Amino acid sequence: MLCCLCVCTAQVVQPSVEQLCAVTANHFKSHDLLRMERIVLDTLEFRLTSPSSYTFLHLLAQACSNSVTPAVLSLAMYLCELAVLEYDMHLYAHSTRAAAALLLAQVSVGAAQQLPAIAGAVLSMGIAADQLYSCMGALLKLQQAAYQHTLAAVAAAQAGVVPSPGS
């Protein structure tokens, strides 16, 4: 029960060991709970992570394996990387960023005929359409800005101009 409590809830303030003992009607002592926690962590080999945009992206790609080409997946991963670098993108949940990146990549690569399969998987995630649309727009702006910076850097390199740091 306690494992489920710890894994299934995303609480801002974690309960103390004493509070967890109280939840069990004091059937367990604090040293029992700490020992059980250690057993679980040892069994998992301390491999605990929170899901990231990549986690959701790969789950979506697996769910739509027939519809996602390597080129689409690569572009979606790049869009997720851009999102990590932009502070305002943290307003969106990791799942929303991954879904928006995959949909935008699918359209960008010109494989819009595969959109219904991907859209079905995205809809099953329960992401609000307005959030998804907003996130896709923000990712598109990031992609365009990155492209413009790349063009400027190439032009500067061709002209023999070395850009100063911070420009």
Foldseek 3Di string as FASTA:
>chain_A
DVVCVVPVDDDPDDDDLVVVCVVVVVPDDSVRVVVVVVVVCVVVVVPDDDDALVNLLVVLCVQLVVLADPQLSVQLVVLSVLLVVDPVSVVDGSNLSSLLSSLLSCVVVPNCVSVVSSVVVSVVVVDDPVSNVVSNVVSVVSVVVVVVVVVVVVVCVVVVHDDDPPD
